[in-house]
Amino acid sequence: MNMLNKFWNDEAGFVVSSELVLIGTILVLGVVVGLATVRDQVVQELGDLALAISNINQSYSFSGVTGHTSSTAGSVFADLTDFCDTTTDTAGVEPECISVQITATPEG
């Protein structure tokens, strides 16, 4: 029982534990802000990737081939510019053609 009273009355670690709580709180707030920044930059990079992929020219053509007893006709495909294809990518501006729309839903 005497040892239990010593533990109950011992306040030597109180200051250290409250400092650890304060440091932990600051770290958690820093992690939340850091993750929000990482999220924004990942969305920006994915938008840049989408812009790069949209600028790939997918046009192709091949001429007809004639052999000894058969032949095949040629073919052509011309890739047209879409309504939001651009060749500019401005730093700090959201990529074009990315529209996130979330409808409100009632809770409960």
PDB file of N, CA and C in Angstrom:
ATOM      1  N   MET A   1       0.830  -1.200   0.000  1.00  0.00           N
ATOM      2  CA  MET A   1       0.000   0.000   0.000  1.00  0.00           C
ATOM      3  C   MET A   1       0.868   1.256   0.000  1.00  0.00           C
ATOM      4  N   ASN A   2       2.006   1.172   0.680  1.00  0.00           N
ATOM      5  CA  ASN A   2       2.911   2.306   0.733  1.00  0.00           C
ATOM      6  C   ASN A   2       3.438   2.669  -0.664  1.00  0.00           C
ATOM      7  N   MET A   3       3.720   1.649  -1.485  1.00  0.00           N
ATOM      8  CA  MET A   3       4.217   1.899  -2.835  1.00  0.00           C
ATOM      9  C   MET A   3       3.127   2.535  -3.702  1.00  0.00           C
ATOM     10  N   LEU A   4       1.872   2.135  -3.514  1.00  0.00           N
ATOM     11  CA  LEU A   4       0.767   2.723  -4.259  1.00  0.00           C
ATOM     12  C   LEU A   4       0.607   4.194  -3.909  1.00  0.00           C
ATOM     13  N   ASN A   5       0.779   4.572  -2.661  1.00  0.00           N
ATOM     14  CA  ASN A   5       0.713   5.978  -2.246  1.00  0.00           C
ATOM     15  C   ASN A   5       1.854   6.791  -2.861  1.00  0.00           C
ATOM     16  N   LYS A   6       3.046   6.183  -2.969  1.00  0.00           N
ATOM     17  CA  LYS A   6       4.168   6.881  -3.586  1.00  0.00           C
ATOM     18  C   LYS A   6       3.871   7.189  -5.056  1.00  0.00           C
ATOM     19  N   PHE A   7       3.321   6.195  -5.765  1.00  0.00           N
ATOM     20  CA  PHE A   7       2.964   6.411  -7.179  1.00  0.00           C
ATOM     21  C   PHE A   7       1.875   7.470  -7.321  1.00  0.00           C
ATOM     22  N   TRP A   8       0.904   7.448  -6.400  1.00  0.00           N
ATOM     23  CA  TRP A   8      -0.212   8.391  -6.458  1.00  0.00           C
ATOM     24  C   TRP A   8       0.263   9.826  -6.216  1.00  0.00           C
ATOM     25  N   ASN A   9       1.202  10.022  -5.353  1.00  0.00           N
ATOM     26  CA  ASN A   9       1.681  11.354  -5.001  1.00  0.00           C
ATOM     27  C   ASN A   9       2.843  11.828  -5.878  1.00  0.00           C
ATOM     28  N   ASP A  10       3.364  10.974  -6.733  1.00  0.00           N
ATOM     29  CA  ASP A  10       4.503  11.339  -7.578  1.00  0.00           C
ATOM     30  C   ASP A  10       4.019  12.190  -8.757  1.00  0.00           C
ATOM     31  N   GLU A  11       4.512  13.408  -8.853  1.00  0.00           N
ATOM     32  CA  GLU A  11       4.160  14.308  -9.940  1.00  0.00           C
ATOM     33  C   GLU A  11       5.387  14.689 -10.755  1.00  0.00           C
ATOM     34  N   ALA A  12       6.422  13.906 -10.728  1.00  0.00           N
ATOM     35  CA  ALA A  12       7.669  14.233 -11.408  1.00  0.00           C
ATOM     36  C   ALA A  12       7.518  14.211 -12.933  1.00  0.00           C
ATOM     37  N   GLY A  13       6.638  13.366 -13.468  1.00  0.00           N
ATOM     38  CA  GLY A  13       6.491  13.262 -14.911  1.00  0.00           C
ATOM     39  C   GLY A  13       5.386  14.119 -15.487  1.00  0.00           C
ATOM     40  N   PHE A  14       4.719  14.952 -14.684  1.00  0.00           N
ATOM     41  CA  PHE A  14       3.590  15.740 -15.159  1.00  0.00           C
ATOM     42  C   PHE A  14       4.007  16.758 -16.210  1.00  0.00           C
ATOM     43  N   VAL A  15       5.092  17.464 -15.976  1.00  0.00           N
ATOM     44  CA  VAL A  15       5.532  18.499 -16.909  1.00  0.00           C
ATOM     45  C   VAL A  15       5.960  17.864 -18.228  1.00  0.00           C
ATOM     46  N   VAL A  16       6.640  16.739 -18.170  1.00  0.00           N
ATOM     47  CA  VAL A  16       7.101  16.076 -19.384  1.00  0.00           C
ATOM     48  C   VAL A  16       5.908  15.595 -20.216  1.00  0.00           C
ATOM     49  N   SER A  17       4.889  15.039 -19.560  1.00  0.00           N
ATOM     50  CA  SER A  17       3.738  14.537 -20.312  1.00  0.00           C
ATOM     51  C   SER A  17       2.944  15.671 -20.946  1.00  0.00           C
ATOM     52  N   SER A  18       2.796  16.806 -20.273  1.00  0.00           N
ATOM     53  CA  SER A  18       2.070  17.918 -20.892  1.00  0.00           C
ATOM     54  C   SER A  18       2.878  18.519 -22.045  1.00  0.00           C
ATOM     55  N   GLU A  19       4.194  18.502 -21.957  1.00  0.00           N
ATOM     56  CA  GLU A  19       5.010  18.956 -23.083  1.00  0.00           C
ATOM     57  C   GLU A  19       4.851  18.016 -24.271  1.00  0.00           C
ATOM     58  N   LEU A  20       4.777  16.730 -24.004  1.00  0.00           N
ATOM     59  CA  LEU A  20       4.599  15.754 -25.076  1.00  0.00           C
ATOM     60  C   LEU A  20       3.235  15.914 -25.747  1.00  0.00           C
ATOM     61  N   VAL A  21       2.210  16.231 -24.982  1.00  0.00           N
ATOM     62  CA  VAL A  21       0.883  16.470 -25.557  1.00  0.00           C
ATOM     63  C   VAL A  21       0.931  17.700 -26.461  1.00  0.00           C
ATOM     64  N   LEU A  22       1.600  18.747 -26.035  1.00  0.00           N
ATOM     65  CA  LEU A  22       1.715  19.962 -26.842  1.00  0.00           C
ATOM     66  C   LEU A  22       2.502  19.688 -28.127  1.00  0.00           C
ATOM     67  N   ILE A  23       3.609  18.980 -28.019  1.00  0.00           N
ATOM     68  CA  ILE A  23       4.398  18.649 -29.200  1.00  0.00           C
ATOM     69  C   ILE A  23       3.599  17.753 -30.144  1.00  0.00           C
ATOM     70  N   GLY A  24       2.883  16.784 -29.600  1.00  0.00           N
ATOM     71  CA  GLY A  24       2.058  15.902 -30.430  1.00  0.00           C
ATOM     72  C   GLY A  24       0.968  16.661 -31.161  1.00  0.00           C
ATOM     73  N   THR A  25       0.346  17.623 -30.490  1.00  0.00           N
ATOM     74  CA  THR A  25      -0.696  18.430 -31.123  1.00  0.00           C
ATOM     75  C   THR A  25      -0.128  19.259 -32.274  1.00  0.00           C
ATOM     76  N   ILE A  26       1.029  19.852 -32.058  1.00  0.00           N
ATOM     77  CA  ILE A  26       1.661  20.645 -33.122  1.00  0.00           C
ATOM     78  C   ILE A  26       2.022  19.752 -34.299  1.00  0.00           C
ATOM     79  N   LEU A  27       2.534  18.558 -34.029  1.00  0.00           N
ATOM     80  CA  LEU A  27       2.886  17.630 -35.103  1.00  0.00           C
ATOM     81  C   LEU A  27       1.661  17.199 -35.909  1.00  0.00           C
ATOM     82  N   VAL A  28       0.557  16.922 -35.221  1.00  0.00           N
ATOM     83  CA  VAL A  28      -0.663  16.500 -35.920  1.00  0.00           C
ATOM     84  C   VAL A  28      -1.173  17.627 -36.807  1.00  0.00           C
ATOM     85  N   LEU A  29      -1.169  18.856 -36.303  1.00  0.00           N
ATOM     86  CA  LEU A  29      -1.609  19.990 -37.128  1.00  0.00           C
ATOM     87  C   LEU A  29      -0.698  20.174 -38.345  1.00  0.00           C
ATOM     88  N   GLY A  30       0.595  19.997 -38.155  1.00  0.00           N
ATOM     89  CA  GLY A  30       1.525  20.097 -39.278  1.00  0.00           C
ATOM     90  C   GLY A  30       1.297  19.013 -40.311  1.00  0.00           C
ATOM     91  N   VAL A  31       0.996  17.801 -39.860  1.00  0.00           N
ATOM     92  CA  VAL A  31       0.736  16.699 -40.791  1.00  0.00           C
ATOM     93  C   VAL A  31      -0.538  16.954 -41.587  1.00  0.00           C
ATOM     94  N   VAL A  32      -1.568  17.479 -40.957  1.00  0.00           N
ATOM     95  CA  VAL A  32      -2.825  17.761 -41.653  1.00  0.00           C
ATOM     96  C   VAL A  32      -2.602  18.817 -42.748  1.00  0.00           C
ATOM     97  N   VAL A  33      -1.885  19.877 -42.412  1.00  0.00           N
ATOM     98  CA  VAL A  33      -1.607  20.917 -43.405  1.00  0.00           C
ATOM     99  C   VAL A  33      -0.725  20.356 -44.526  1.00  0.00           C
ATOM    100  N   GLY A  34       0.259  19.550 -44.169  1.00  0.00           N
ATOM    101  CA  GLY A  34       1.134  18.949 -45.174  1.00  0.00           C
ATOM    102  C   GLY A  34       0.387  18.028 -46.115  1.00  0.00           C
ATOM    103  N   LEU A  35      -0.522  17.229 -45.585  1.00  0.00           N
ATOM    104  CA  LEU A  35      -1.291  16.319 -46.435  1.00  0.00           C
ATOM    105  C   LEU A  35      -2.228  17.082 -47.366  1.00  0.00           C
ATOM    106  N   ALA A  36      -2.783  18.186 -46.888  1.00  0.00           N
ATOM    107  CA  ALA A  36      -3.631  19.001 -47.772  1.00  0.00           C
ATOM    108  C   ALA A  36      -2.809  19.576 -48.918  1.00  0.00           C
ATOM    109  N   THR A  37      -1.583  19.994 -48.639  1.00  0.00           N
ATOM    110  CA  THR A  37      -0.714  20.513 -49.696  1.00  0.00           C
ATOM    111  C   THR A  37      -0.341  19.419 -50.683  1.00  0.00           C
ATOM    112  N   VAL A  38      -0.030  18.237 -50.167  1.00  0.00           N
ATOM    113  CA  VAL A  38       0.298  17.106 -51.046  1.00  0.00           C
ATOM    114  C   VAL A  38      -0.891  16.760 -51.928  1.00  0.00           C
ATOM    115  N   ARG A  39      -2.105  16.774 -51.357  1.00  0.00           N
ATOM    116  CA  ARG A  39      -3.306  16.488 -52.139  1.00  0.00           C
ATOM    117  C   ARG A  39      -3.449  17.472 -53.293  1.00  0.00           C
ATOM    118  N   ASP A  40      -3.278  18.765 -53.004  1.00  0.00           N
ATOM    119  CA  ASP A  40      -3.412  19.781 -54.049  1.00  0.00           C
ATOM    120  C   ASP A  40      -2.370  19.592 -55.151  1.00  0.00           C
ATOM    121  N   GLN A  41      -1.151  19.272 -54.776  1.00  0.00           N
ATOM    122  CA  GLN A  41      -0.094  19.107 -55.773  1.00  0.00           C
ATOM    123  C   GLN A  41      -0.285  17.837 -56.595  1.00  0.00           C
ATOM    124  N   VAL A  42      -0.815  16.779 -55.981  1.00  0.00           N
ATOM    125  CA  VAL A  42      -1.092  15.551 -56.747  1.00  0.00           C
ATOM    126  C   VAL A  42      -2.182  15.813 -57.779  1.00  0.00           C
ATOM    127  N   VAL A  43      -3.217  16.545 -57.408  1.00  0.00           N
ATOM    128  CA  VAL A  43      -4.278  16.887 -58.362  1.00  0.00           C
ATOM    129  C   VAL A  43      -3.711  17.729 -59.495  1.00  0.00           C
ATOM    130  N   GLN A  44      -2.821  18.674 -59.164  1.00  0.00           N
ATOM    131  CA  GLN A  44      -2.207  19.514 -60.199  1.00  0.00           C
ATOM    132  C   GLN A  44      -1.368  18.666 -61.151  1.00  0.00           C
ATOM    133  N   GLU A  45      -0.583  17.741 -60.621  1.00  0.00           N
ATOM    134  CA  GLU A  45       0.255  16.903 -61.478  1.00  0.00           C
ATOM    135  C   GLU A  45      -0.586  15.963 -62.344  1.00  0.00           C
ATOM    136  N   LEU A  46      -1.669  15.443 -61.797  1.00  0.00           N
ATOM    137  CA  LEU A  46      -2.547  14.591 -62.605  1.00  0.00           C
ATOM    138  C   LEU A  46      -3.219  15.401 -63.715  1.00  0.00           C
ATOM    139  N   GLY A  47      -3.542  16.655 -63.423  1.00  0.00           N
ATOM    140  CA  GLY A  47      -4.081  17.523 -64.470  1.00  0.00           C
ATOM    141  C   GLY A  47      -3.053  17.797 -65.555  1.00  0.00           C
ATOM    142  N   ASP A  48      -1.795  17.993 -65.146  1.00  0.00           N
ATOM    143  CA  ASP A  48      -0.731  18.186 -66.138  1.00  0.00           C
ATOM    144  C   ASP A  48      -0.545  16.938 -66.984  1.00  0.00           C
ATOM    145  N   LEU A  49      -0.635  15.772 -66.382  1.00  0.00           N
ATOM    146  CA  LEU A  49      -0.524  14.517 -67.126  1.00  0.00           C
ATOM    147  C   LEU A  49      -1.676  14.380 -68.122  1.00  0.00           C
ATOM    148  N   ALA A  50      -2.885  14.738 -67.687  1.00  0.00           N
ATOM    149  CA  ALA A  50      -4.034  14.684 -68.589  1.00  0.00           C
ATOM    150  C   ALA A  50      -3.859  15.643 -69.754  1.00  0.00           C
ATOM    151  N   LEU A  51      -3.297  16.814 -69.487  1.00  0.00           N
ATOM    152  CA  LEU A  51      -3.041  17.781 -70.561  1.00  0.00           C
ATOM    153  C   LEU A  51      -2.017  17.235 -71.546  1.00  0.00           C
ATOM    154  N   ALA A  52      -0.982  16.595 -71.029  1.00  0.00           N
ATOM    155  CA  ALA A  52       0.040  16.024 -71.913  1.00  0.00           C
ATOM    156  C   ALA A  52      -0.536  14.898 -72.761  1.00  0.00           C
ATOM    157  N   ILE A  53      -1.364  14.058 -72.158  1.00  0.00           N
ATOM    158  CA  ILE A  53      -1.961  12.952 -72.908  1.00  0.00           C
ATOM    159  C   ILE A  53      -2.941  13.479 -73.952  1.00  0.00           C
ATOM    160  N   SER A  54      -3.669  14.548 -73.622  1.00  0.00           N
ATOM    161  CA  SER A  54      -4.640  15.074 -74.585  1.00  0.00           C
ATOM    162  C   SER A  54      -3.965  15.705 -75.796  1.00  0.00           C
ATOM    163  N   ASN A  55      -2.706  16.109 -75.656  1.00  0.00           N
ATOM    164  CA  ASN A  55      -1.998  16.719 -76.768  1.00  0.00           C
ATOM    165  C   ASN A  55      -1.282  15.703 -77.654  1.00  0.00           C
ATOM    166  N   ILE A  56      -1.396  14.431 -77.345  1.00  0.00           N
ATOM    167  CA  ILE A  56      -0.796  13.413 -78.204  1.00  0.00           C
ATOM    168  C   ILE A  56      -1.604  13.327 -79.490  1.00  0.00           C
ATOM    169  N   ASN A  57      -0.934  13.365 -80.612  1.00  0.00           N
ATOM    170  CA  ASN A  57      -1.601  13.269 -81.908  1.00  0.00           C
ATOM    171  C   ASN A  57      -1.746  11.792 -82.254  1.00  0.00           C
ATOM    172  N   GLN A  58      -2.985  11.346 -82.366  1.00  0.00           N
ATOM    173  CA  GLN A  58      -3.250   9.944 -82.607  1.00  0.00           C
ATOM    174  C   GLN A  58      -3.558   9.654 -84.076  1.00  0.00           C
ATOM    175  N   SER A  59      -3.252  10.574 -84.952  1.00  0.00           N
ATOM    176  CA  SER A  59      -3.527  10.366 -86.367  1.00  0.00           C
ATOM    177  C   SER A  59      -2.622   9.274 -86.911  1.00  0.00           C
ATOM    178  N   TYR A  60      -3.160   8.513 -87.827  1.00  0.00           N
ATOM    179  CA  TYR A  60      -2.353   7.479 -88.483  1.00  0.00           C
ATOM    180  C   TYR A  60      -2.858   7.302 -89.904  1.00  0.00           C
ATOM    181  N   SER A  61      -2.030   6.750 -90.737  1.00  0.00           N
ATOM    182  CA  SER A  61      -2.462   6.409 -92.087  1.00  0.00           C
ATOM    183  C   SER A  61      -1.532   5.337 -92.643  1.00  0.00           C
ATOM    184  N   PHE A  62      -2.075   4.535 -93.499  1.00  0.00           N
ATOM    185  CA  PHE A  62      -1.245   3.586 -94.233  1.00  0.00           C
ATOM    186  C   PHE A  62      -1.849   3.414 -95.613  1.00  0.00           C
ATOM    187  N   SER A  63      -0.968   3.227 -96.567  1.00  0.00           N
ATOM    188  CA  SER A  63      -1.427   3.117 -97.944  1.00  0.00           C
ATOM    189  C   SER A  63      -1.782   1.667 -98.255  1.00  0.00           C
ATOM    190  N   GLY A  64      -2.486   1.494 -99.337  1.00  0.00           N
ATOM    191  CA  GLY A  64      -2.896   0.154 -99.725  1.00  0.00           C
ATOM    192  C   GLY A  64      -1.709  -0.723-100.099  1.00  0.00           C
ATOM    193  N   VAL A  65      -1.883  -2.014 -99.903  1.00  0.00           N
ATOM    194  CA  VAL A  65      -0.843  -2.986-100.229  1.00  0.00           C
ATOM    195  C   VAL A  65      -1.403  -3.932-101.282  1.00  0.00           C
ATOM    196  N   THR A  66      -0.646  -4.158-102.333  1.00  0.00           N
ATOM    197  CA  THR A  66      -1.074  -5.079-103.387  1.00  0.00           C
ATOM    198  C   THR A  66      -0.045  -6.197-103.507  1.00  0.00           C
ATOM    199  N   GLY A  67      -0.542  -7.430-103.421  1.00  0.00           N
ATOM    200  CA  GLY A  67       0.324  -8.588-103.571  1.00  0.00           C
ATOM    201  C   GLY A  67       0.090  -9.249-104.916  1.00  0.00           C
ATOM    202  N   HIS A  68       0.489 -10.516-105.034  1.00  0.00           N
ATOM    203  CA  HIS A  68       0.330 -11.230-106.295  1.00  0.00           C
ATOM    204  C   HIS A  68      -1.137 -11.520-106.598  1.00  0.00           C
ATOM    205  N   THR A  69      -1.882 -11.947-105.593  1.00  0.00           N
ATOM    206  CA  THR A  69      -3.271 -12.337-105.861  1.00  0.00           C
ATOM    207  C   THR A  69      -4.276 -11.558-105.035  1.00  0.00           C
ATOM    208  N   SER A  70      -3.828 -10.636-104.194  1.00  0.00           N
ATOM    209  CA  SER A  70      -4.791  -9.909-103.355  1.00  0.00           C
ATOM    210  C   SER A  70      -4.297  -8.485-103.131  1.00  0.00           C
ATOM    211  N   SER A  71      -5.187  -7.676-102.593  1.00  0.00           N
ATOM    212  CA  SER A  71      -4.819  -6.301-102.257  1.00  0.00           C
ATOM    213  C   SER A  71      -5.675  -5.824-101.093  1.00  0.00           C
ATOM    214  N   THR A  72      -5.194  -4.815-100.414  1.00  0.00           N
ATOM    215  CA  THR A  72      -5.964  -4.212 -99.327  1.00  0.00           C
ATOM    216  C   THR A  72      -5.933  -2.701 -99.498  1.00  0.00           C
ATOM    217  N   ALA A  73      -7.017  -2.085 -99.130  1.00  0.00           N
ATOM    218  CA  ALA A  73      -7.113  -0.635 -99.276  1.00  0.00           C
ATOM    219  C   ALA A  73      -6.382   0.042 -98.118  1.00  0.00           C
ATOM    220  N   GLY A  74      -6.028   1.272 -98.302  1.00  0.00           N
ATOM    221  CA  GLY A  74      -5.391   2.035 -97.235  1.00  0.00           C
ATOM    222  C   GLY A  74      -6.429   2.594 -96.278  1.00  0.00           C
ATOM    223  N   SER A  75      -5.954   3.238 -95.225  1.00  0.00           N
ATOM    224  CA  SER A  75      -6.851   3.817 -94.229  1.00  0.00           C
ATOM    225  C   SER A  75      -6.197   5.071 -93.665  1.00  0.00           C
ATOM    226  N   VAL A  76      -7.017   5.977 -93.155  1.00  0.00           N
ATOM    227  CA  VAL A  76      -6.509   7.201 -92.559  1.00  0.00           C
ATOM    228  C   VAL A  76      -7.429   7.614 -91.409  1.00  0.00           C
ATOM    229  N   PHE A  77      -6.843   8.163 -90.356  1.00  0.00           N
ATOM    230  CA  PHE A  77      -7.604   8.710 -89.242  1.00  0.00           C
ATOM    231  C   PHE A  77      -6.964  10.028 -88.859  1.00  0.00           C
ATOM    232  N   ALA A  78      -7.753  11.085 -88.841  1.00  0.00           N
ATOM    233  CA  ALA A  78      -7.241  12.412 -88.470  1.00  0.00           C
ATOM    234  C   ALA A  78      -7.798  12.775 -87.098  1.00  0.00           C
ATOM    235  N   ASP A  79      -6.909  13.016 -86.151  1.00  0.00           N
ATOM    236  CA  ASP A  79      -7.299  13.386 -84.792  1.00  0.00           C
ATOM    237  C   ASP A  79      -7.641  14.868 -84.770  1.00  0.00           C
ATOM    238  N   LEU A  80      -8.892  15.195 -84.441  1.00  0.00           N
ATOM    239  CA  LEU A  80      -9.330  16.588 -84.387  1.00  0.00           C
ATOM    240  C   LEU A  80      -9.138  17.144 -82.989  1.00  0.00           C
ATOM    241  N   THR A  81      -9.037  18.443 -82.884  1.00  0.00           N
ATOM    242  CA  THR A  81      -8.865  19.100 -81.598  1.00  0.00           C
ATOM    243  C   THR A  81     -10.184  19.089 -80.839  1.00  0.00           C
ATOM    244  N   ASP A  82     -10.138  18.662 -79.588  1.00  0.00           N
ATOM    245  CA  ASP A  82     -11.327  18.670 -78.736  1.00  0.00           C
ATOM    246  C   ASP A  82     -11.600  20.078 -78.241  1.00  0.00           C
ATOM    247  N   PHE A  83     -12.753  20.265 -77.623  1.00  0.00           N
ATOM    248  CA  PHE A  83     -13.157  21.600 -77.202  1.00  0.00           C
ATOM    249  C   PHE A  83     -12.262  22.178 -76.103  1.00  0.00           C
ATOM    250  N   CYS A  84     -11.582  21.345 -75.345  1.00  0.00           N
ATOM    251  CA  CYS A  84     -10.775  21.880 -74.241  1.00  0.00           C
ATOM    252  C   CYS A  84      -9.288  21.597 -74.418  1.00  0.00           C
ATOM    253  N   ASP A  85      -8.854  21.147 -75.585  1.00  0.00           N
ATOM    254  CA  ASP A  85      -7.435  20.906 -75.819  1.00  0.00           C
ATOM    255  C   ASP A  85      -6.719  22.235 -75.992  1.00  0.00           C
ATOM    256  N   THR A  86      -5.706  22.425 -75.183  1.00  0.00           N
ATOM    257  CA  THR A  86      -4.877  23.623 -75.302  1.00  0.00           C
ATOM    258  C   THR A  86      -3.414  23.198 -75.253  1.00  0.00           C
ATOM    259  N   THR A  87      -2.570  24.075 -75.670  1.00  0.00           N
ATOM    260  CA  THR A  87      -1.141  23.782 -75.613  1.00  0.00           C
ATOM    261  C   THR A  87      -0.450  24.590 -74.526  1.00  0.00           C
ATOM    262  N   THR A  88      -1.222  25.312 -73.725  1.00  0.00           N
ATOM    263  CA  THR A  88      -0.629  26.118 -72.663  1.00  0.00           C
ATOM    264  C   THR A  88      -0.937  25.507 -71.315  1.00  0.00           C
ATOM    265  N   ASP A  89       0.017  25.628 -70.417  1.00  0.00           N
ATOM    266  CA  ASP A  89      -0.155  25.148 -69.047  1.00  0.00           C
ATOM    267  C   ASP A  89       0.436  26.197 -68.133  1.00  0.00           C
ATOM    268  N   THR A  90      -0.414  27.007 -67.532  1.00  0.00           N
ATOM    269  CA  THR A  90       0.029  28.103 -66.690  1.00  0.00           C
ATOM    270  C   THR A  90       0.250  27.612 -65.268  1.00  0.00           C
ATOM    271  N   ALA A  91       1.365  27.961 -64.688  1.00  0.00           N
ATOM    272  CA  ALA A  91       1.676  27.539 -63.328  1.00  0.00           C
ATOM    273  C   ALA A  91       0.708  28.181 -62.344  1.00  0.00           C
ATOM    274  N   GLY A  92       0.239  27.404 -61.402  1.00  0.00           N
ATOM    275  CA  GLY A  92      -0.653  27.914 -60.370  1.00  0.00           C
ATOM    276  C   GLY A  92      -2.106  28.002 -60.772  1.00  0.00           C
ATOM    277  N   VAL A  93      -2.427  27.673 -61.999  1.00  0.00           N
ATOM    278  CA  VAL A  93      -3.806  27.725 -62.481  1.00  0.00           C
ATOM    279  C   VAL A  93      -4.312  26.291 -62.608  1.00  0.00           C
ATOM    280  N   GLU A  94      -5.550  26.072 -62.210  1.00  0.00           N
ATOM    281  CA  GLU A  94      -6.115  24.737 -62.314  1.00  0.00           C
ATOM    282  C   GLU A  94      -6.154  24.296 -63.770  1.00  0.00           C
ATOM    283  N   PRO A  95      -5.916  23.012 -64.016  1.00  0.00           N
ATOM    284  CA  PRO A  95      -5.953  22.515 -65.394  1.00  0.00           C
ATOM    285  C   PRO A  95      -7.347  22.659 -65.988  1.00  0.00           C
ATOM    286  N   GLU A  96      -7.386  22.903 -67.289  1.00  0.00           N
ATOM    287  CA  GLU A  96      -8.666  23.024 -67.958  1.00  0.00           C
ATOM    288  C   GLU A  96      -9.315  21.652 -68.078  1.00  0.00           C
ATOM    289  N   CYS A  97     -10.608  21.651 -68.253  1.00  0.00           N
ATOM    290  CA  CYS A  97     -11.411  20.440 -68.460  1.00  0.00           C
ATOM    291  C   CYS A  97     -11.471  19.538 -67.244  1.00  0.00           C
ATOM    292  N   ILE A  98     -11.055  20.003 -66.085  1.00  0.00           N
ATOM    293  CA  ILE A  98     -11.245  19.227 -64.861  1.00  0.00           C
ATOM    294  C   ILE A  98     -12.311  19.957 -64.068  1.00  0.00           C
ATOM    295  N   SER A  99     -13.452  19.346 -63.962  1.00  0.00           N
ATOM    296  CA  SER A  99     -14.566  19.963 -63.259  1.00  0.00           C
ATOM    297  C   SER A  99     -15.106  18.961 -62.253  1.00  0.00           C
ATOM    298  N   VAL A 100     -15.000  19.289 -60.984  1.00  0.00           N
ATOM    299  CA  VAL A 100     -15.498  18.419 -59.927  1.00  0.00           C
ATOM    300  C   VAL A 100     -16.772  19.042 -59.388  1.00  0.00           C
ATOM    301  N   GLN A 101     -17.877  18.352 -59.576  1.00  0.00           N
ATOM    302  CA  GLN A 101     -19.156  18.859 -59.105  1.00  0.00           C
ATOM    303  C   GLN A 101     -19.794  17.795 -58.231  1.00  0.00           C
ATOM    304  N   ILE A 102     -20.035  18.142 -56.997  1.00  0.00           N
ATOM    305  CA  ILE A 102     -20.636  17.220 -56.056  1.00  0.00           C
ATOM    306  C   ILE A 102     -21.971  17.813 -55.617  1.00  0.00           C
ATOM    307  N   THR A 103     -23.026  17.053 -55.780  1.00  0.00           N
ATOM    308  CA  THR A 103     -24.342  17.548 -55.382  1.00  0.00           C
ATOM    309  C   THR A 103     -24.513  17.379 -53.885  1.00  0.00           C
ATOM    310  N   ALA A 104     -25.254  18.282 -53.313  1.00  0.00           N
ATOM    311  CA  ALA A 104     -25.504  18.228 -51.869  1.00  0.00           C
ATOM    312  C   ALA A 104     -26.481  17.099 -51.569  1.00  0.00           C
ATOM    313  N   THR A 105     -26.169  16.341 -50.531  1.00  0.00           N
ATOM    314  CA  THR A 105     -27.057  15.267 -50.092  1.00  0.00           C
ATOM    315  C   THR A 105     -27.418  15.516 -48.635  1.00  0.00           C
ATOM    316  N   PRO A 106     -28.662  15.293 -48.277  1.00  0.00           N
ATOM    317  CA  PRO A 106     -29.062  15.511 -46.889  1.00  0.00           C
ATOM    318  C   PRO A 106     -28.440  14.461 -45.965  1.00  0.00           C
ATOM    319  N   GLU A 107     -28.054  14.905 -44.796  1.00  0.00           N
ATOM    320  CA  GLU A 107     -27.495  13.983 -43.814  1.00  0.00           C
ATOM    321  C   GLU A 107     -28.617  13.346 -43.013  1.00  0.00           C
ATOM    322  N   GLY A 108     -28.335  12.141 -42.566  1.00  0.00           N
ATOM    323  CA  GLY A 108     -29.296  11.526 -41.659  1.00  0.00           C
ATOM    324  C   GLY A 108     -30.005  10.389 -42.187  1.00  0.00           C
TER     325      GLY A 108
END
